[in-house]
Amino acid sequence: MTINRRKLMTTTAAVAVAAPFVLRVTRANAAEFTMKFANNSPVTHPLVIRAGEAIEKIKKETDGKVEIQMFPNNQLGSDTDMLSQLRSGAIEFFTLSGLILSTLVPAASINGVGFAWSGYDKVWPAMDGELGTHVRAQIAKAGLVAQEQMWDNGYRQMTSSTKPITGPDDLKGFKIRVPPSPLWTSMFKAFDASPASINFSEVYSALQTKVVEGQENPLAIINTAKLYEVQKFLSKTNHMWDGFWFLANGKAWNGIPENLRTIISKNLNEAGRKQREDIFALNATLEKELAGKGLAFNDVNQAAFRDKLSAAGFYKEWKGKYGDEAWALLEKYAGKIS
């Protein structure tokens, strides 16, 4: 039998791309619960690394009863595709930004209110405390279960291929990619920009082909997704804090015995706390690394951006949408927002 070497290599590569990122513990008996976990993060991102560790521990501590297969880097589609799959039960777990989840659960985007947070010392008490509890209760009403610890995505920064963004006036008419979320679109329209909702899986190509001039993401994403290859300038705006809810399909979750759910939650929440530390440490080194890859950094006056949003009625509008109770919880931790 003759084997065509090129065909063999092509077939092997295709299988490697299609195969899920699965951490397996060798065992004679098959798992009682085999589930899929999807995310949009590149395989080198701390979320994927820490989730992989948790998956391994879950399998070990459940004596092989629970096996979770991980599909990172948009292998199963865009964020909106995977959210639909989670709701239908095609996948059991999914990590998603609260701002994108807000297309289903409006309250979930409240952590992303523009220029609300001055630091992690306020973010984590809020999301681990009453504000996070409020959001998880709303998520539950949509048939999903959110783990207690929110994972970190980071403070978002604006980048551009055409000019540095130094103040709100630089955003006038600026074509910027935003994730599919009403809060993002609303905020950049308040800056008189031209936001375009594009799923993360298409961001690189949209920037490369000049469909948009810029985008905004945390430093870790800009680095692991290699967005520095198609952007020239980065403004340290810290305009939004964004995190990932670790979500489960409610029906699938409730179908797992309580003792196994306890093990799963323990390990996912522990991994989430470690991932937060990873992102914090990573951000301390990434500015220098990204500058070395060609990104020009500049500082901005946050007060000017916040004043622009206030004058445009952005905060008043979103306080009305979230309601007094949720807004009061936000301000309890973040401070007065206006």
C-alpha atoms as a PDB file:
ATOM      1  CA  MET A   1       0.000   0.000   0.000  1.00  0.00           C
ATOM      2  CA  THR A   2       1.363   3.401  -1.010  1.00  0.00           C
ATOM      3  CA  ILE A   3       0.794   6.381   1.252  1.00  0.00           C
ATOM      4  CA  ASN A   4       0.972   9.868  -0.227  1.00  0.00           C
ATOM      5  CA  ARG A   5       3.119  11.837   2.268  1.00  0.00           C
ATOM      6  CA  ARG A   6       1.532  15.213   1.448  1.00  0.00           C
ATOM      7  CA  LYS A   7      -1.980  13.795   1.817  1.00  0.00           C
ATOM      8  CA  LEU A   8      -1.032  12.204   5.141  1.00  0.00           C
ATOM      9  CA  MET A   9       0.378  15.481   6.490  1.00  0.00           C
ATOM     10  CA  THR A  10      -2.665  17.457   5.309  1.00  0.00           C
ATOM     11  CA  THR A  11      -5.073  14.998   6.888  1.00  0.00           C
ATOM     12  CA  THR A  12      -3.126  14.966  10.152  1.00  0.00           C
ATOM     13  CA  ALA A  13      -3.128  18.776  10.324  1.00  0.00           C
ATOM     14  CA  ALA A  14      -6.877  18.925   9.666  1.00  0.00           C
ATOM     15  CA  VAL A  15      -7.572  16.460  12.452  1.00  0.00           C
ATOM     16  CA  ALA A  16      -5.384  18.476  14.822  1.00  0.00           C
ATOM     17  CA  VAL A  17      -7.314  21.659  14.096  1.00  0.00           C
ATOM     18  CA  ALA A  18     -10.705  19.997  14.448  1.00  0.00           C
ATOM     19  CA  ALA A  19      -9.860  18.100  17.620  1.00  0.00           C
ATOM     20  CA  PRO A  20     -10.976  19.594  20.944  1.00  0.00           C
ATOM     21  CA  PHE A  21      -8.497  20.662  23.587  1.00  0.00           C
ATOM     22  CA  VAL A  22      -9.119  17.724  25.917  1.00  0.00           C
ATOM     23  CA  LEU A  23      -7.229  16.856  29.062  1.00  0.00           C
ATOM     24  CA  ARG A  24      -7.713  13.159  29.710  1.00  0.00           C
ATOM     25  CA  VAL A  25      -6.963  10.963  32.680  1.00  0.00           C
ATOM     26  CA  THR A  26      -6.499   7.343  31.562  1.00  0.00           C
ATOM     27  CA  ARG A  27      -9.213   5.185  33.072  1.00  0.00           C
ATOM     28  CA  ALA A  28     -10.803   1.854  32.302  1.00  0.00           C
ATOM     29  CA  ASN A  29     -14.382   3.047  32.858  1.00  0.00           C
ATOM     30  CA  ALA A  30     -16.081   5.712  30.770  1.00  0.00           C
ATOM     31  CA  ALA A  31     -17.165   8.956  32.423  1.00  0.00           C
ATOM     32  CA  GLU A  32     -20.740   9.198  33.647  1.00  0.00           C
ATOM     33  CA  PHE A  33     -20.924  12.845  32.550  1.00  0.00           C
ATOM     34  CA  THR A  34     -19.071  13.958  29.420  1.00  0.00           C
ATOM     35  CA  MET A  35     -19.554  17.655  28.746  1.00  0.00           C
ATOM     36  CA  LYS A  36     -18.281  20.363  26.419  1.00  0.00           C
ATOM     37  CA  PHE A  37     -16.794  23.699  27.475  1.00  0.00           C
ATOM     38  CA  ALA A  38     -16.343  26.364  24.800  1.00  0.00           C
ATOM     39  CA  ASN A  39     -14.641  29.748  24.882  1.00  0.00           C
ATOM     40  CA  ASN A  40     -13.259  32.421  22.572  1.00  0.00           C
ATOM     41  CA  SER A  41      -9.798  32.732  24.146  1.00  0.00           C
ATOM     42  CA  PRO A  42      -6.551  31.791  22.369  1.00  0.00           C
ATOM     43  CA  VAL A  43      -4.885  28.665  23.747  1.00  0.00           C
ATOM     44  CA  THR A  44      -2.094  30.714  25.362  1.00  0.00           C
ATOM     45  CA  HIS A  45      -4.530  32.923  27.300  1.00  0.00           C
ATOM     46  CA  PRO A  46      -4.602  32.428  31.107  1.00  0.00           C
ATOM     47  CA  LEU A  47      -8.303  31.531  30.925  1.00  0.00           C
ATOM     48  CA  VAL A  48      -7.597  28.466  28.778  1.00  0.00           C
ATOM     49  CA  ILE A  49      -4.582  27.441  30.839  1.00  0.00           C
ATOM     50  CA  ARG A  50      -6.348  27.707  34.209  1.00  0.00           C
ATOM     51  CA  ALA A  51      -9.534  26.103  32.889  1.00  0.00           C
ATOM     52  CA  GLY A  52      -7.446  23.192  31.631  1.00  0.00           C
ATOM     53  CA  GLU A  53      -5.979  22.723  35.089  1.00  0.00           C
ATOM     54  CA  ALA A  54      -9.450  22.789  36.632  1.00  0.00           C
ATOM     55  CA  ILE A  55     -10.736  20.226  34.139  1.00  0.00           C
ATOM     56  CA  GLU A  56      -7.912  17.883  35.061  1.00  0.00           C
ATOM     57  CA  LYS A  57      -8.605  18.269  38.794  1.00  0.00           C
ATOM     58  CA  ILE A  58     -12.360  17.779  38.315  1.00  0.00           C
ATOM     59  CA  LYS A  59     -11.783  14.499  36.506  1.00  0.00           C
ATOM     60  CA  LYS A  60      -9.398  13.307  39.210  1.00  0.00           C
ATOM     61  CA  GLU A  61     -11.521  14.384  42.179  1.00  0.00           C
ATOM     62  CA  THR A  62     -14.710  12.872  40.731  1.00  0.00           C
ATOM     63  CA  ASP A  63     -12.843   9.598  40.167  1.00  0.00           C
ATOM     64  CA  GLY A  64     -13.394   9.921  36.421  1.00  0.00           C
ATOM     65  CA  LYS A  65     -17.144  10.441  36.661  1.00  0.00           C
ATOM     66  CA  VAL A  66     -16.948  13.926  35.069  1.00  0.00           C
ATOM     67  CA  GLU A  67     -15.027  14.544  31.879  1.00  0.00           C
ATOM     68  CA  ILE A  68     -15.059  18.029  30.349  1.00  0.00           C
ATOM     69  CA  GLN A  69     -13.820  18.576  26.815  1.00  0.00           C
ATOM     70  CA  MET A  70     -12.527  22.070  26.111  1.00  0.00           C
ATOM     71  CA  PHE A  71     -12.945  23.854  22.783  1.00  0.00           C
ATOM     72  CA  PRO A  72     -10.966  27.144  22.940  1.00  0.00           C
ATOM     73  CA  ASN A  73     -10.323  29.899  20.401  1.00  0.00           C
ATOM     74  CA  ASN A  74     -13.802  29.992  18.798  1.00  0.00           C
ATOM     75  CA  GLN A  75     -13.556  26.380  17.596  1.00  0.00           C
ATOM     76  CA  LEU A  76     -17.327  26.044  17.958  1.00  0.00           C
ATOM     77  CA  GLY A  77     -18.198  29.416  16.428  1.00  0.00           C
ATOM     78  CA  SER A  78     -18.590  33.045  17.437  1.00  0.00           C
ATOM     79  CA  ASP A  79     -19.676  34.250  20.872  1.00  0.00           C
ATOM     80  CA  THR A  80     -23.272  34.584  19.736  1.00  0.00           C
ATOM     81  CA  ASP A  81     -23.145  31.118  18.137  1.00  0.00           C
ATOM     82  CA  MET A  82     -21.790  29.554  21.320  1.00  0.00           C
ATOM     83  CA  LEU A  83     -24.338  31.343  23.498  1.00  0.00           C
ATOM     84  CA  SER A  84     -27.084  29.795  21.362  1.00  0.00           C
ATOM     85  CA  GLN A  85     -25.427  26.385  21.708  1.00  0.00           C
ATOM     86  CA  LEU A  86     -25.244  26.807  25.476  1.00  0.00           C
ATOM     87  CA  ARG A  87     -28.920  27.673  25.693  1.00  0.00           C
ATOM     88  CA  SER A  88     -29.927  24.700  23.525  1.00  0.00           C
ATOM     89  CA  GLY A  89     -27.732  22.276  25.469  1.00  0.00           C
ATOM     90  CA  ALA A  90     -25.365  21.545  22.576  1.00  0.00           C
ATOM     91  CA  ILE A  91     -22.588  22.640  24.923  1.00  0.00           C
ATOM     92  CA  GLU A  92     -22.754  22.550  28.699  1.00  0.00           C
ATOM     93  CA  PHE A  93     -20.247  25.265  29.702  1.00  0.00           C
ATOM     94  CA  PHE A  94     -19.204  28.588  28.178  1.00  0.00           C
ATOM     95  CA  THR A  95     -17.211  31.585  29.394  1.00  0.00           C
ATOM     96  CA  LEU A  96     -18.656  34.861  28.142  1.00  0.00           C
ATOM     97  CA  SER A  97     -18.257  38.576  28.756  1.00  0.00           C
ATOM     98  CA  GLY A  98     -21.147  39.989  30.734  1.00  0.00           C
ATOM     99  CA  LEU A  99     -21.496  42.702  28.111  1.00  0.00           C
ATOM    100  CA  ILE A 100     -22.225  40.195  25.358  1.00  0.00           C
ATOM    101  CA  LEU A 101     -24.403  38.120  27.680  1.00  0.00           C
ATOM    102  CA  SER A 102     -26.487  41.285  28.050  1.00  0.00           C
ATOM    103  CA  THR A 103     -28.121  40.526  24.685  1.00  0.00           C
ATOM    104  CA  LEU A 104     -29.955  37.840  26.713  1.00  0.00           C
ATOM    105  CA  VAL A 105     -29.625  39.173  30.274  1.00  0.00           C
ATOM    106  CA  PRO A 106     -29.620  43.004  30.168  1.00  0.00           C
ATOM    107  CA  ALA A 107     -28.298  43.409  33.728  1.00  0.00           C
ATOM    108  CA  ALA A 108     -25.161  41.427  32.889  1.00  0.00           C
ATOM    109  CA  SER A 109     -23.442  44.382  31.228  1.00  0.00           C
ATOM    110  CA  ILE A 110     -23.525  46.640  34.293  1.00  0.00           C
ATOM    111  CA  ASN A 111     -19.878  45.926  35.161  1.00  0.00           C
ATOM    112  CA  GLY A 112     -18.942  47.498  31.805  1.00  0.00           C
ATOM    113  CA  VAL A 113     -20.380  50.982  32.364  1.00  0.00           C
ATOM    114  CA  GLY A 114     -17.850  53.360  30.839  1.00  0.00           C
ATOM    115  CA  PHE A 115     -15.180  54.799  33.156  1.00  0.00           C
ATOM    116  CA  ALA A 116     -16.983  53.510  36.251  1.00  0.00           C
ATOM    117  CA  TRP A 117     -14.104  51.690  37.949  1.00  0.00           C
ATOM    118  CA  SER A 118     -10.948  53.213  39.402  1.00  0.00           C
ATOM    119  CA  GLY A 119      -9.276  49.887  40.199  1.00  0.00           C
ATOM    120  CA  TYR A 120      -9.524  46.198  41.041  1.00  0.00           C
ATOM    121  CA  ASP A 121      -9.857  47.128  44.706  1.00  0.00           C
ATOM    122  CA  LYS A 122     -13.423  48.124  43.836  1.00  0.00           C
ATOM    123  CA  VAL A 123     -14.170  45.663  41.023  1.00  0.00           C
ATOM    124  CA  TRP A 124     -13.666  42.407  42.921  1.00  0.00           C
ATOM    125  CA  PRO A 125     -15.582  43.347  46.094  1.00  0.00           C
ATOM    126  CA  ALA A 126     -18.489  44.306  43.803  1.00  0.00           C
ATOM    127  CA  MET A 127     -18.470  41.238  41.562  1.00  0.00           C
ATOM    128  CA  ASP A 128     -17.830  38.841  44.469  1.00  0.00           C
ATOM    129  CA  GLY A 129     -20.406  40.713  46.529  1.00  0.00           C
ATOM    130  CA  GLU A 130     -23.894  42.121  46.131  1.00  0.00           C
ATOM    131  CA  LEU A 131     -23.533  43.365  42.547  1.00  0.00           C
ATOM    132  CA  GLY A 132     -22.368  39.957  41.348  1.00  0.00           C
ATOM    133  CA  THR A 133     -25.142  38.244  43.301  1.00  0.00           C
ATOM    134  CA  HIS A 134     -27.709  40.520  41.657  1.00  0.00           C
ATOM    135  CA  VAL A 135     -26.397  39.725  38.168  1.00  0.00           C
ATOM    136  CA  ARG A 136     -26.241  35.961  38.792  1.00  0.00           C
ATOM    137  CA  ALA A 137     -29.877  36.020  39.894  1.00  0.00           C
ATOM    138  CA  GLN A 138     -30.839  37.612  36.580  1.00  0.00           C
ATOM    139  CA  ILE A 139     -28.728  35.056  34.682  1.00  0.00           C
ATOM    140  CA  ALA A 140     -30.585  32.247  36.479  1.00  0.00           C
ATOM    141  CA  LYS A 141     -33.900  33.613  35.196  1.00  0.00           C
ATOM    142  CA  ALA A 142     -32.607  32.966  31.658  1.00  0.00           C
ATOM    143  CA  GLY A 143     -32.056  29.273  32.398  1.00  0.00           C
ATOM    144  CA  LEU A 144     -28.301  29.532  32.898  1.00  0.00           C
ATOM    145  CA  VAL A 145     -26.123  29.058  35.971  1.00  0.00           C
ATOM    146  CA  ALA A 146     -23.139  31.341  36.638  1.00  0.00           C
ATOM    147  CA  GLN A 147     -20.323  30.221  38.918  1.00  0.00           C
ATOM    148  CA  GLU A 148     -19.704  32.509  41.888  1.00  0.00           C
ATOM    149  CA  GLN A 149     -16.273  33.770  40.857  1.00  0.00           C
ATOM    150  CA  MET A 150     -16.125  35.885  37.745  1.00  0.00           C
ATOM    151  CA  TRP A 151     -12.974  35.402  35.679  1.00  0.00           C
ATOM    152  CA  ASP A 152     -10.933  38.401  34.575  1.00  0.00           C
ATOM    153  CA  ASN A 153     -10.762  39.763  31.056  1.00  0.00           C
ATOM    154  CA  GLY A 154      -9.243  43.047  32.156  1.00  0.00           C
ATOM    155  CA  TYR A 155      -9.475  46.764  31.644  1.00  0.00           C
ATOM    156  CA  ARG A 156     -10.089  47.564  28.016  1.00  0.00           C
ATOM    157  CA  GLN A 157      -7.852  49.862  25.968  1.00  0.00           C
ATOM    158  CA  MET A 158      -8.484  51.559  22.610  1.00  0.00           C
ATOM    159  CA  THR A 159      -6.215  50.878  19.645  1.00  0.00           C
ATOM    160  CA  SER A 160      -6.007  52.413  16.197  1.00  0.00           C
ATOM    161  CA  SER A 161      -4.268  51.901  12.866  1.00  0.00           C
ATOM    162  CA  THR A 162      -4.671  55.522  11.758  1.00  0.00           C
ATOM    163  CA  LYS A 163      -4.064  57.914  14.666  1.00  0.00           C
ATOM    164  CA  PRO A 164      -3.564  58.022  18.429  1.00  0.00           C
ATOM    165  CA  ILE A 165      -6.720  58.510  20.497  1.00  0.00           C
ATOM    166  CA  THR A 166      -5.818  61.189  23.026  1.00  0.00           C
ATOM    167  CA  GLY A 167      -9.261  62.562  23.890  1.00  0.00           C
ATOM    168  CA  PRO A 168     -12.956  62.109  23.106  1.00  0.00           C
ATOM    169  CA  ASP A 169     -12.747  64.425  20.085  1.00  0.00           C
ATOM    170  CA  ASP A 170     -10.426  61.934  18.358  1.00  0.00           C
ATOM    171  CA  LEU A 171     -13.285  59.436  18.311  1.00  0.00           C
ATOM    172  CA  LYS A 172     -15.569  61.588  16.181  1.00  0.00           C
ATOM    173  CA  GLY A 173     -16.338  59.568  13.050  1.00  0.00           C
ATOM    174  CA  PHE A 174     -13.789  56.936  14.092  1.00  0.00           C
ATOM    175  CA  LYS A 175     -14.640  53.459  12.766  1.00  0.00           C
ATOM    176  CA  ILE A 176     -14.188  51.135  15.731  1.00  0.00           C
ATOM    177  CA  ARG A 177     -15.045  47.481  16.197  1.00  0.00           C
ATOM    178  CA  VAL A 178     -17.151  46.735  19.267  1.00  0.00           C
ATOM    179  CA  PRO A 179     -18.529  43.380  20.449  1.00  0.00           C
ATOM    180  CA  PRO A 180     -22.232  42.755  19.806  1.00  0.00           C
ATOM    181  CA  SER A 181     -23.597  44.512  22.878  1.00  0.00           C
ATOM    182  CA  PRO A 182     -25.949  47.488  23.228  1.00  0.00           C
ATOM    183  CA  LEU A 183     -23.814  49.096  25.964  1.00  0.00           C
ATOM    184  CA  TRP A 184     -20.712  49.225  23.779  1.00  0.00           C
ATOM    185  CA  THR A 185     -22.582  50.633  20.797  1.00  0.00           C
ATOM    186  CA  SER A 186     -24.305  53.222  22.987  1.00  0.00           C
ATOM    187  CA  MET A 187     -21.065  54.384  24.584  1.00  0.00           C
ATOM    188  CA  PHE A 188     -19.162  54.904  21.345  1.00  0.00           C
ATOM    189  CA  LYS A 189     -22.129  56.616  19.729  1.00  0.00           C
ATOM    190  CA  ALA A 190     -22.067  59.019  22.688  1.00  0.00           C
ATOM    191  CA  PHE A 191     -18.491  59.793  21.615  1.00  0.00           C
ATOM    192  CA  ASP A 192     -19.780  60.446  18.051  1.00  0.00           C
ATOM    193  CA  ALA A 193     -17.763  57.466  16.805  1.00  0.00           C
ATOM    194  CA  SER A 194     -18.925  54.935  14.201  1.00  0.00           C
ATOM    195  CA  PRO A 195     -19.070  51.611  16.102  1.00  0.00           C
ATOM    196  CA  ALA A 196     -19.429  48.354  14.177  1.00  0.00           C
ATOM    197  CA  SER A 197     -20.582  45.217  16.023  1.00  0.00           C
ATOM    198  CA  ILE A 198     -18.274  42.372  15.003  1.00  0.00           C
ATOM    199  CA  ASN A 199     -17.754  39.024  16.738  1.00  0.00           C
ATOM    200  CA  PHE A 200     -14.287  38.462  18.179  1.00  0.00           C
ATOM    201  CA  SER A 201     -13.548  35.638  15.744  1.00  0.00           C
ATOM    202  CA  GLU A 202     -13.607  38.218  12.910  1.00  0.00           C
ATOM    203  CA  VAL A 203     -11.733  41.087  14.594  1.00  0.00           C
ATOM    204  CA  TYR A 204      -8.281  40.452  13.159  1.00  0.00           C
ATOM    205  CA  SER A 205      -9.530  40.235   9.572  1.00  0.00           C
ATOM    206  CA  ALA A 206     -11.747  43.317  10.004  1.00  0.00           C
ATOM    207  CA  LEU A 207      -8.715  45.318  11.137  1.00  0.00           C
ATOM    208  CA  GLN A 208      -6.443  43.830   8.488  1.00  0.00           C
ATOM    209  CA  THR A 209      -8.840  44.683   5.651  1.00  0.00           C
ATOM    210  CA  LYS A 210      -9.563  48.158   7.076  1.00  0.00           C
ATOM    211  CA  VAL A 211     -13.267  47.487   7.575  1.00  0.00           C
ATOM    212  CA  VAL A 212     -12.643  49.307  10.844  1.00  0.00           C
ATOM    213  CA  GLU A 213      -9.785  51.553  11.953  1.00  0.00           C
ATOM    214  CA  GLY A 214      -9.593  50.420  15.534  1.00  0.00           C
ATOM    215  CA  GLN A 215     -10.852  48.203  18.310  1.00  0.00           C
ATOM    216  CA  GLU A 216     -10.743  47.974  22.095  1.00  0.00           C
ATOM    217  CA  ASN A 217      -9.656  45.044  24.234  1.00  0.00           C
ATOM    218  CA  PRO A 218      -7.595  44.233  27.318  1.00  0.00           C
ATOM    219  CA  LEU A 219      -3.822  43.964  26.868  1.00  0.00           C
ATOM    220  CA  ALA A 220      -3.815  40.171  27.278  1.00  0.00           C
ATOM    221  CA  ILE A 221      -6.243  39.760  24.372  1.00  0.00           C
ATOM    222  CA  ILE A 222      -4.388  42.278  22.204  1.00  0.00           C
ATOM    223  CA  ASN A 223      -1.252  40.223  22.788  1.00  0.00           C
ATOM    224  CA  THR A 224      -2.528  36.646  22.505  1.00  0.00           C
ATOM    225  CA  ALA A 225      -4.715  37.446  19.474  1.00  0.00           C
ATOM    226  CA  LYS A 226      -1.772  39.322  17.862  1.00  0.00           C
ATOM    227  CA  LEU A 227      -3.841  42.432  17.222  1.00  0.00           C
ATOM    228  CA  TYR A 228      -0.620  44.459  17.443  1.00  0.00           C
ATOM    229  CA  GLU A 229       0.144  43.170  13.957  1.00  0.00           C
ATOM    230  CA  VAL A 230      -2.726  45.213  12.512  1.00  0.00           C
ATOM    231  CA  GLN A 231      -2.745  48.224  14.867  1.00  0.00           C
ATOM    232  CA  LYS A 232      -0.235  51.044  15.426  1.00  0.00           C
ATOM    233  CA  PHE A 233      -1.422  53.039  18.452  1.00  0.00           C
ATOM    234  CA  LEU A 234      -2.742  52.100  21.888  1.00  0.00           C
ATOM    235  CA  SER A 235      -4.417  54.551  24.257  1.00  0.00           C
ATOM    236  CA  LYS A 236      -4.450  53.566  27.929  1.00  0.00           C
ATOM    237  CA  THR A 237      -8.076  54.515  28.422  1.00  0.00           C
ATOM    238  CA  ASN A 238      -9.130  51.790  30.922  1.00  0.00           C
ATOM    239  CA  HIS A 239     -12.584  52.742  29.683  1.00  0.00           C
ATOM    240  CA  MET A 240     -14.326  49.533  30.738  1.00  0.00           C
ATOM    241  CA  TRP A 241     -13.662  46.658  33.062  1.00  0.00           C
ATOM    242  CA  ASP A 242     -14.702  43.380  31.535  1.00  0.00           C
ATOM    243  CA  GLY A 243     -14.861  39.867  32.948  1.00  0.00           C
ATOM    244  CA  PHE A 244     -16.023  36.398  31.962  1.00  0.00           C
ATOM    245  CA  TRP A 245     -18.934  34.634  33.610  1.00  0.00           C
ATOM    246  CA  PHE A 246     -18.350  30.871  33.724  1.00  0.00           C
ATOM    247  CA  LEU A 247     -21.785  29.734  32.572  1.00  0.00           C
ATOM    248  CA  ALA A 248     -23.543  26.381  32.564  1.00  0.00           C
ATOM    249  CA  ASN A 249     -26.696  25.229  30.832  1.00  0.00           C
ATOM    250  CA  GLY A 250     -29.189  25.141  33.707  1.00  0.00           C
ATOM    251  CA  LYS A 251     -30.839  21.855  32.766  1.00  0.00           C
ATOM    252  CA  ALA A 252     -27.506  20.084  32.310  1.00  0.00           C
ATOM    253  CA  TRP A 253     -26.127  21.532  35.542  1.00  0.00           C
ATOM    254  CA  ASN A 254     -29.115  20.455  37.602  1.00  0.00           C
ATOM    255  CA  GLY A 255     -28.856  16.980  36.096  1.00  0.00           C
ATOM    256  CA  ILE A 256     -25.475  16.473  37.773  1.00  0.00           C
ATOM    257  CA  PRO A 257     -25.577  15.054  41.332  1.00  0.00           C
ATOM    258  CA  GLU A 258     -24.976  17.690  44.003  1.00  0.00           C
ATOM    259  CA  ASN A 259     -21.753  16.129  45.266  1.00  0.00           C
ATOM    260  CA  LEU A 260     -20.241  16.316  41.766  1.00  0.00           C
ATOM    261  CA  ARG A 261     -21.512  19.862  41.249  1.00  0.00           C
ATOM    262  CA  THR A 262     -19.712  20.854  44.444  1.00  0.00           C
ATOM    263  CA  ILE A 263     -16.418  19.495  43.098  1.00  0.00           C
ATOM    264  CA  ILE A 264     -16.900  21.214  39.748  1.00  0.00           C
ATOM    265  CA  SER A 265     -17.737  24.582  41.319  1.00  0.00           C
ATOM    266  CA  LYS A 266     -14.879  24.383  43.799  1.00  0.00           C
ATOM    267  CA  ASN A 267     -12.315  23.830  41.075  1.00  0.00           C
ATOM    268  CA  LEU A 268     -13.752  26.313  38.579  1.00  0.00           C
ATOM    269  CA  ASN A 269     -13.907  29.070  41.202  1.00  0.00           C
ATOM    270  CA  GLU A 270     -10.407  28.282  42.439  1.00  0.00           C
ATOM    271  CA  ALA A 271      -9.118  28.413  38.854  1.00  0.00           C
ATOM    272  CA  GLY A 272     -10.932  31.710  38.341  1.00  0.00           C
ATOM    273  CA  ARG A 273      -9.156  33.277  41.309  1.00  0.00           C
ATOM    274  CA  LYS A 274      -5.793  32.087  39.987  1.00  0.00           C
ATOM    275  CA  GLN A 275      -6.631  33.404  36.533  1.00  0.00           C
ATOM    276  CA  ARG A 276      -7.336  36.828  38.031  1.00  0.00           C
ATOM    277  CA  GLU A 277      -3.835  36.836  39.514  1.00  0.00           C
ATOM    278  CA  ASP A 278      -2.395  35.774  36.159  1.00  0.00           C
ATOM    279  CA  ILE A 279      -4.043  38.653  34.315  1.00  0.00           C
ATOM    280  CA  PHE A 280      -2.928  41.177  36.929  1.00  0.00           C
ATOM    281  CA  ALA A 281       0.678  39.973  36.741  1.00  0.00           C
ATOM    282  CA  LEU A 282       0.578  39.783  32.955  1.00  0.00           C
ATOM    283  CA  ASN A 283      -0.620  43.353  32.564  1.00  0.00           C
ATOM    284  CA  ALA A 284       2.420  44.555  34.507  1.00  0.00           C
ATOM    285  CA  THR A 285       4.715  43.244  31.773  1.00  0.00           C
ATOM    286  CA  LEU A 286       2.625  43.508  28.611  1.00  0.00           C
ATOM    287  CA  GLU A 287       3.023  47.233  27.963  1.00  0.00           C
ATOM    288  CA  LYS A 288       6.752  46.829  27.488  1.00  0.00           C
ATOM    289  CA  GLU A 289       6.281  43.655  25.453  1.00  0.00           C
ATOM    290  CA  LEU A 290       3.672  45.174  23.140  1.00  0.00           C
ATOM    291  CA  ALA A 291       5.720  48.348  22.712  1.00  0.00           C
ATOM    292  CA  GLY A 292       8.561  46.109  21.597  1.00  0.00           C
ATOM    293  CA  LYS A 293       6.228  44.621  18.995  1.00  0.00           C
ATOM    294  CA  GLY A 294       5.538  48.071  17.520  1.00  0.00           C
ATOM    295  CA  LEU A 295       2.541  49.478  19.399  1.00  0.00           C
ATOM    296  CA  ALA A 296       2.906  53.152  20.358  1.00  0.00           C
ATOM    297  CA  PHE A 297       1.377  53.812  23.805  1.00  0.00           C
ATOM    298  CA  ASN A 298      -0.134  57.061  25.033  1.00  0.00           C
ATOM    299  CA  ASP A 299      -1.840  58.159  28.254  1.00  0.00           C
ATOM    300  CA  VAL A 300      -5.201  59.940  28.252  1.00  0.00           C
ATOM    301  CA  ASN A 301      -7.214  62.191  30.531  1.00  0.00           C
ATOM    302  CA  GLN A 302     -10.069  59.938  31.642  1.00  0.00           C
ATOM    303  CA  ALA A 303     -12.048  62.859  33.047  1.00  0.00           C
ATOM    304  CA  ALA A 304     -12.526  64.306  29.554  1.00  0.00           C
ATOM    305  CA  PHE A 305     -14.038  61.057  28.290  1.00  0.00           C
ATOM    306  CA  ARG A 306     -16.290  60.747  31.316  1.00  0.00           C
ATOM    307  CA  ASP A 307     -17.475  64.357  30.970  1.00  0.00           C
ATOM    308  CA  LYS A 308     -18.359  63.680  27.342  1.00  0.00           C
ATOM    309  CA  LEU A 309     -20.461  60.654  28.313  1.00  0.00           C
ATOM    310  CA  SER A 310     -22.210  62.615  31.027  1.00  0.00           C
ATOM    311  CA  ALA A 311     -22.999  65.517  28.686  1.00  0.00           C
ATOM    312  CA  ALA A 312     -24.372  63.083  26.105  1.00  0.00           C
ATOM    313  CA  GLY A 313     -26.795  61.621  28.664  1.00  0.00           C
ATOM    314  CA  PHE A 314     -25.107  58.199  28.595  1.00  0.00           C
ATOM    315  CA  TYR A 315     -25.146  57.622  32.367  1.00  0.00           C
ATOM    316  CA  LYS A 316     -28.711  58.858  32.771  1.00  0.00           C
ATOM    317  CA  GLU A 317     -29.880  56.566  29.968  1.00  0.00           C
ATOM    318  CA  TRP A 318     -28.241  53.453  31.406  1.00  0.00           C
ATOM    319  CA  LYS A 319     -29.292  54.136  34.957  1.00  0.00           C
ATOM    320  CA  GLY A 320     -32.841  54.082  33.616  1.00  0.00           C
ATOM    321  CA  LYS A 321     -32.250  50.817  31.790  1.00  0.00           C
ATOM    322  CA  TYR A 322     -30.634  48.981  34.699  1.00  0.00           C
ATOM    323  CA  GLY A 323     -33.036  50.357  37.287  1.00  0.00           C
ATOM    324  CA  ASP A 324     -32.434  52.113  40.591  1.00  0.00           C
ATOM    325  CA  GLU A 325     -31.630  48.943  42.550  1.00  0.00           C
ATOM    326  CA  ALA A 326     -28.855  47.738  40.239  1.00  0.00           C
ATOM    327  CA  TRP A 327     -27.437  51.254  39.781  1.00  0.00           C
ATOM    328  CA  ALA A 328     -27.335  51.771  43.550  1.00  0.00           C
ATOM    329  CA  LEU A 329     -25.344  48.542  43.917  1.00  0.00           C
ATOM    330  CA  LEU A 330     -22.930  49.689  41.201  1.00  0.00           C
ATOM    331  CA  GLU A 331     -22.371  53.035  42.906  1.00  0.00           C
ATOM    332  CA  LYS A 332     -22.037  51.370  46.324  1.00  0.00           C
ATOM    333  CA  TYR A 333     -18.778  49.852  45.136  1.00  0.00           C
ATOM    334  CA  ALA A 334     -17.615  52.086  42.265  1.00  0.00           C
ATOM    335  CA  GLY A 335     -18.573  55.446  43.776  1.00  0.00           C
ATOM    336  CA  LYS A 336     -20.845  58.130  42.365  1.00  0.00           C
ATOM    337  CA  ILE A 337     -21.209  57.938  38.588  1.00  0.00           C
ATOM    338  CA  SER A 338     -22.583  60.846  36.623  1.00  0.00           C
END
